[in-house]
Amino acid sequence: MTIQVALRQGTKLLEDAGVTAPRLTAEVLLGFATGHDRSWLYAHSDEELREVWWIHYGRYLHQRMNGKPTQYITGIQEFYGREFRVTPDVLIPRSETENVVEASFEFIRPGDTVADIGCGSGAIAVTLALERQTRTFATDLSEAAVRVAAANAKRLEADVRFAVGDLTECLGAGRFDAVVTNPPYIPMLEAPTLAPEVRDHEPHLALFGGEDGLAAYRRLAADLPRILKPGGWLIMELAWNAAGLVRELFREHDGKRWTDVEIRRDFAGLPRIFVARAPA
């Protein structure tokens, strides 16, 4: 069997299984099985598939047809131009979160002390450290996630300090110029409506924000003024339909008002980025 035929057959299997982008997925999985990129596959389309390649490719196709995300099969997801290792212990970084990081560049200067709360794979923290030369701290309640994030930081040579902790609880008072975060925000009530590859494979700790999806937002609104310096910035990802509710949560803290509150839209035009300044 040639590489060309293997791609065609893999695409058909994935298509019949209802997998999104079956051709691209087949290319990624065969590239992973052979240890080559997609351009090599096309340059060698008439080459015979080695037996070991076929064994690995068949296993990866089977896993993907049974709902396992491609990123958990390959162990890789690109974020802001860098490859991050991902495992089922961490949420797969999304392009929407790149919008949040991009927005944060307006408010963060080199040398600022920044926190990524609920860091998962470390995509936000590592990107800020490398792109803005920040003094970056990152926390996650999952010890396994922190191990993944720390390994990504080491491999990508990013100076990030990690701690295992529940949201802001392990962070000191008045230390941070900014917080950039993608908290869990999917309501538990919506779990049955999620795609099986998300609901059944990605960590629920990173997905669900309580019954109404606002649990993490409530806790952040209450405690962020403690860890942020007066006038420090919050740049945070939102559920697409939560902008109004989150704005209300961040209206006031102990009689002091958050200022410069702004809801920004992502590249798809959805209200997904929350910006606010801590009470002075």
Protein backbone atom coordinates (compact mmCIF):
# COMPACT_ATOMS: atom_id res chain seq x y z
CA MET A 1 0.00 0.00 0.00
CA THR A 2 1.34 3.42 -0.96
CA ILE A 3 1.15 6.55 1.15
CA GLN A 4 -1.35 8.00 -1.31
CA VAL A 5 -3.67 5.01 -0.95
CA ALA A 6 -3.28 5.00 2.82
CA LEU A 7 -4.33 8.64 2.97
CA ARG A 8 -7.33 7.99 0.75
CA GLN A 9 -8.47 5.00 2.81
CA GLY A 10 -7.89 6.80 6.11
CA THR A 11 -9.86 9.80 4.91
CA LYS A 12 -12.79 7.59 3.96
CA LEU A 13 -12.80 5.83 7.34
CA LEU A 14 -12.73 9.13 9.22
CA GLU A 15 -15.40 10.63 6.99
CA ASP A 16 -17.70 7.66 7.56
CA ALA A 17 -17.14 8.05 11.31
CA GLY A 18 -18.24 11.68 11.17
CA VAL A 19 -14.84 13.14 12.07
CA THR A 20 -14.41 16.81 11.20
CA ALA A 21 -11.80 17.59 8.51
CA PRO A 22 -11.17 13.93 7.67
CA ARG A 23 -8.48 14.53 5.01
CA LEU A 24 -6.43 16.87 7.21
CA THR A 25 -6.79 14.50 10.16
CA ALA A 26 -5.63 11.55 8.05
CA GLU A 27 -2.59 13.55 6.94
CA VAL A 28 -1.70 14.53 10.50
CA LEU A 29 -2.08 10.98 11.80
CA LEU A 30 -0.10 9.40 8.97
CA GLY A 31 2.59 12.05 9.37
CA PHE A 32 2.77 11.22 13.06
CA ALA A 33 2.94 7.50 12.30
CA THR A 34 5.77 7.93 9.81
CA GLY A 35 7.63 10.69 11.65
CA HIS A 36 7.34 13.10 8.73
CA ASP A 37 5.39 16.27 7.97
CA ARG A 38 2.55 16.62 5.47
CA SER A 39 4.76 18.00 2.71
CA TRP A 40 6.92 14.87 2.90
CA LEU A 41 3.83 12.71 2.53
CA TYR A 42 2.91 14.42 -0.73
CA ALA A 43 6.49 14.36 -2.02
CA HIS A 44 6.58 10.58 -1.38
CA SER A 45 2.98 9.71 -2.21
CA ASP A 46 4.00 6.68 -4.29
CA GLU A 47 6.26 5.23 -1.62
CA GLU A 48 5.20 1.94 -0.08
CA LEU A 49 3.96 2.16 3.48
CA ARG A 50 6.25 0.28 5.84
CA GLU A 51 4.58 -2.30 8.05
CA VAL A 52 5.39 -0.44 11.27
CA TRP A 53 3.93 2.76 9.80
CA TRP A 54 0.73 0.95 8.90
CA ILE A 55 0.42 -0.55 12.38
CA HIS A 56 0.76 2.85 14.06
CA TYR A 57 -1.46 4.60 11.50
CA GLY A 58 -4.21 2.02 11.94
CA ARG A 59 -4.12 2.43 15.72
CA TYR A 60 -4.29 6.22 15.48
CA LEU A 61 -7.20 6.06 13.04
CA HIS A 62 -9.05 3.72 15.40
CA GLN A 63 -8.47 6.06 18.35
CA ARG A 64 -9.68 9.09 16.41
CA MET A 65 -12.75 7.27 15.09
CA ASN A 66 -13.61 6.43 18.70
CA GLY A 67 -13.54 10.09 19.70
CA LYS A 68 -10.03 10.67 21.02
CA PRO A 69 -8.92 14.17 19.95
CA THR A 70 -6.10 14.29 17.42
CA GLN A 71 -4.02 16.43 19.79
CA TYR A 72 -4.12 13.75 22.48
CA ILE A 73 -3.01 11.15 19.93
CA THR A 74 -0.05 13.18 18.66
CA GLY A 75 0.57 14.90 22.01
CA ILE A 76 1.03 18.24 20.28
CA GLN A 77 -0.97 21.43 19.81
CA GLU A 78 0.32 24.65 18.27
CA PHE A 79 -0.33 27.88 20.16
CA TYR A 80 0.92 31.30 19.07
CA GLY A 81 3.41 29.71 16.70
CA ARG A 82 4.89 27.26 19.20
CA GLU A 83 4.36 23.55 19.74
CA PHE A 84 3.01 22.65 23.17
CA ARG A 85 2.88 19.13 24.53
CA VAL A 86 -0.61 18.18 25.63
CA THR A 87 -2.00 15.19 27.49
CA PRO A 88 -5.51 14.31 28.70
CA ASP A 89 -4.50 16.08 31.95
CA VAL A 90 -4.75 19.49 30.25
CA LEU A 91 -7.23 21.34 28.10
CA ILE A 92 -6.28 21.53 24.43
CA PRO A 93 -5.33 25.19 23.77
CA ARG A 94 -7.75 26.93 21.41
CA SER A 95 -7.26 29.74 18.93
CA GLU A 96 -9.76 31.85 20.91
CA THR A 97 -7.26 31.99 23.75
CA GLU A 98 -4.67 33.40 21.37
CA ASN A 99 -7.04 36.39 21.05
CA VAL A 100 -6.83 36.88 24.83
CA VAL A 101 -3.03 36.76 24.80
CA GLU A 102 -2.92 39.17 21.87
CA ALA A 103 -5.19 41.62 23.72
CA SER A 104 -3.02 41.43 26.84
CA PHE A 105 -0.01 42.82 24.97
CA GLU A 106 -1.68 46.23 25.07
CA PHE A 107 -1.52 46.30 28.87
CA ILE A 108 1.60 44.31 29.77
CA ARG A 109 5.11 45.70 29.62
CA PRO A 110 8.44 43.87 29.75
CA GLY A 111 9.36 43.15 33.34
CA ASP A 112 5.77 43.20 34.63
CA THR A 113 4.80 40.54 37.14
CA VAL A 114 1.99 38.49 35.60
CA ALA A 115 -0.10 35.51 36.71
CA ASP A 116 -1.77 32.83 34.60
CA ILE A 117 -4.45 31.27 36.80
CA GLY A 118 -5.58 27.80 35.77
CA CYS A 119 -2.59 27.41 33.48
CA GLY A 120 -3.32 23.97 32.00
CA SER A 121 -0.63 23.27 29.39
CA GLY A 122 1.07 26.58 30.22
CA ALA A 123 0.24 28.07 26.83
CA ILE A 124 -0.64 31.53 28.19
CA ALA A 125 2.16 31.73 30.76
CA VAL A 126 4.89 30.52 28.39
CA THR A 127 3.74 32.82 25.59
CA LEU A 128 3.71 35.88 27.86
CA ALA A 129 7.15 35.07 29.24
CA LEU A 130 8.63 34.68 25.77
CA GLU A 131 6.75 37.40 23.91
CA ARG A 132 6.72 40.10 26.64
CA GLN A 133 9.63 39.08 28.88
CA THR A 134 7.36 39.15 31.93
CA ARG A 135 8.03 37.78 35.40
CA THR A 136 5.45 35.06 35.07
CA PHE A 137 3.75 32.87 37.65
CA ALA A 138 1.24 30.12 36.84
CA THR A 139 -1.09 28.04 38.99
CA ASP A 140 -3.39 25.10 38.50
CA LEU A 141 -5.38 22.94 40.88
CA SER A 142 -4.24 19.85 38.95
CA GLU A 143 -0.73 18.71 39.89
CA ALA A 144 -0.62 16.66 36.67
CA ALA A 145 -1.41 19.78 34.63
CA VAL A 146 1.34 21.74 36.36
CA ARG A 147 3.82 19.00 35.47
CA VAL A 148 2.81 19.26 31.80
CA ALA A 149 3.04 23.08 31.88
CA ALA A 150 6.42 23.06 33.60
CA ALA A 151 7.77 20.63 31.01
CA ASN A 152 6.54 22.90 28.22
CA ALA A 153 8.21 25.92 29.84
CA LYS A 154 11.49 24.05 30.20
CA ARG A 155 11.44 22.74 26.62
CA LEU A 156 10.60 26.18 25.21
CA GLU A 157 13.10 27.91 27.52
CA ALA A 158 10.52 30.15 29.19
CA ASP A 159 11.16 31.46 32.69
CA VAL A 160 7.88 30.65 34.45
CA ARG A 161 7.33 29.73 38.11
CA PHE A 162 4.60 27.21 38.83
CA ALA A 163 2.52 26.33 41.87
CA VAL A 164 -0.28 23.86 42.55
CA GLY A 165 -3.23 25.74 43.98
CA ASP A 166 -6.93 26.51 43.66
CA LEU A 167 -7.24 29.64 41.50
CA THR A 168 -5.67 32.58 43.41
CA GLU A 169 -5.33 30.95 46.83
CA CYS A 170 -1.57 30.35 46.62
CA LEU A 171 -0.69 33.82 45.30
CA GLY A 172 0.55 36.65 47.47
CA ALA A 173 -1.23 39.96 48.01
CA GLY A 174 -0.53 43.00 45.86
CA ARG A 175 2.15 41.33 43.76
CA PHE A 176 0.83 41.33 40.21
CA ASP A 177 0.67 43.96 37.50
CA ALA A 178 -1.70 41.79 35.48
CA VAL A 179 -3.59 38.52 35.43
CA VAL A 180 -4.26 36.76 32.13
CA THR A 181 -6.52 33.73 32.46
CA ASN A 182 -8.84 31.31 30.73
CA PRO A 183 -10.96 29.94 33.60
CA PRO A 184 -13.42 27.03 33.31
CA TYR A 185 -16.74 28.47 32.18
CA ILE A 186 -18.98 25.81 30.63
CA PRO A 187 -22.14 25.21 32.71
CA MET A 188 -22.47 21.63 33.93
CA LEU A 189 -26.02 21.71 32.59
CA GLU A 190 -24.58 21.95 29.07
CA ALA A 191 -22.42 18.84 29.41
CA PRO A 192 -24.82 16.62 27.43
CA THR A 193 -24.68 19.04 24.48
CA LEU A 194 -20.90 19.04 24.13
CA ALA A 195 -19.13 17.10 21.42
CA PRO A 196 -18.16 13.67 22.80
CA GLU A 197 -14.48 14.28 22.02
CA VAL A 198 -14.59 17.26 24.40
CA ARG A 199 -16.93 15.92 27.09
CA ASP A 200 -15.41 12.44 27.25
CA HIS A 201 -11.72 13.26 26.85
CA GLU A 202 -10.80 16.75 28.07
CA PRO A 203 -10.42 17.34 31.85
CA HIS A 204 -13.70 18.39 33.45
CA LEU A 205 -11.79 20.49 35.98
CA ALA A 206 -10.70 22.77 33.14
CA LEU A 207 -14.04 22.74 31.31
CA PHE A 208 -16.87 23.24 33.78
CA GLY A 209 -17.52 26.29 35.92
CA GLY A 210 -20.24 24.94 38.16
CA GLU A 211 -23.93 24.57 37.39
CA ASP A 212 -24.20 27.99 35.70
CA GLY A 213 -20.62 28.32 34.43
CA LEU A 214 -19.88 31.34 36.64
CA ALA A 215 -18.27 29.69 39.68
CA ALA A 216 -14.68 30.55 38.75
CA TYR A 217 -15.65 34.07 37.65
CA ARG A 218 -17.29 34.72 41.05
CA ARG A 219 -14.21 33.62 42.97
CA LEU A 220 -11.88 35.61 40.73
CA ALA A 221 -14.01 38.75 41.10
CA ALA A 222 -13.81 38.39 44.89
CA ASP A 223 -10.07 37.68 45.24
CA LEU A 224 -8.29 39.28 42.29
CA PRO A 225 -8.28 42.74 43.97
CA ARG A 226 -6.18 41.13 46.71
CA ILE A 227 -3.41 39.82 44.44
CA LEU A 228 -3.39 42.60 41.85
CA LYS A 229 -1.56 45.82 42.47
CA PRO A 230 -3.91 48.83 42.68
CA GLY A 231 -4.90 49.56 39.10
CA GLY A 232 -3.55 46.22 37.88
CA TRP A 233 -5.08 44.68 34.78
CA LEU A 234 -7.23 41.62 34.26
CA ILE A 235 -7.46 40.13 30.77
CA MET A 236 -9.71 37.07 30.75
CA GLU A 237 -11.44 34.71 28.34
CA LEU A 238 -15.24 34.63 28.41
CA ALA A 239 -17.88 32.18 27.40
CA TRP A 240 -19.44 33.62 24.26
CA ASN A 241 -22.75 34.33 26.06
CA ALA A 242 -21.45 35.39 29.49
CA ALA A 243 -20.28 38.97 28.89
CA GLY A 244 -23.16 40.73 30.63
CA LEU A 245 -23.16 38.42 33.65
CA VAL A 246 -19.41 38.66 34.15
CA ARG A 247 -19.50 42.44 33.82
CA GLU A 248 -21.94 42.55 36.73
CA LEU A 249 -19.70 40.33 38.86
CA PHE A 250 -16.79 42.72 38.37
CA ARG A 251 -18.76 45.91 38.91
CA GLU A 252 -17.65 46.53 42.51
CA HIS A 253 -15.47 45.07 45.28
CA ASP A 254 -15.79 46.16 48.93
CA GLY A 255 -17.31 49.43 47.83
CA LYS A 256 -14.55 50.09 45.28
CA ARG A 257 -15.23 49.91 41.58
CA TRP A 258 -13.32 48.10 38.87
CA THR A 259 -12.54 50.60 36.12
CA ASP A 260 -11.88 50.55 32.38
CA VAL A 261 -14.18 47.56 32.03
CA GLU A 262 -14.36 46.48 28.40
CA ILE A 263 -15.73 43.53 26.46
CA ARG A 264 -13.76 42.83 23.31
CA ARG A 265 -14.63 40.59 20.42
CA ASP A 266 -12.48 37.77 19.11
CA PHE A 267 -11.51 37.19 15.47
CA ALA A 268 -14.89 35.55 14.90
CA GLY A 269 -16.73 38.63 16.16
CA LEU A 270 -17.90 37.06 19.42
CA PRO A 271 -17.66 38.85 22.81
CA ARG A 272 -14.94 36.63 24.27
CA ILE A 273 -12.37 38.92 25.95
CA PHE A 274 -12.92 40.70 29.27
CA VAL A 275 -10.62 43.56 30.24
CA ALA A 276 -10.81 45.44 33.54
CA ARG A 277 -8.63 47.40 35.93
CA ALA A 278 -8.55 46.54 39.62
CA PRO A 279 -9.82 49.06 42.19
CA ALA A 280 -7.13 51.59 43.03
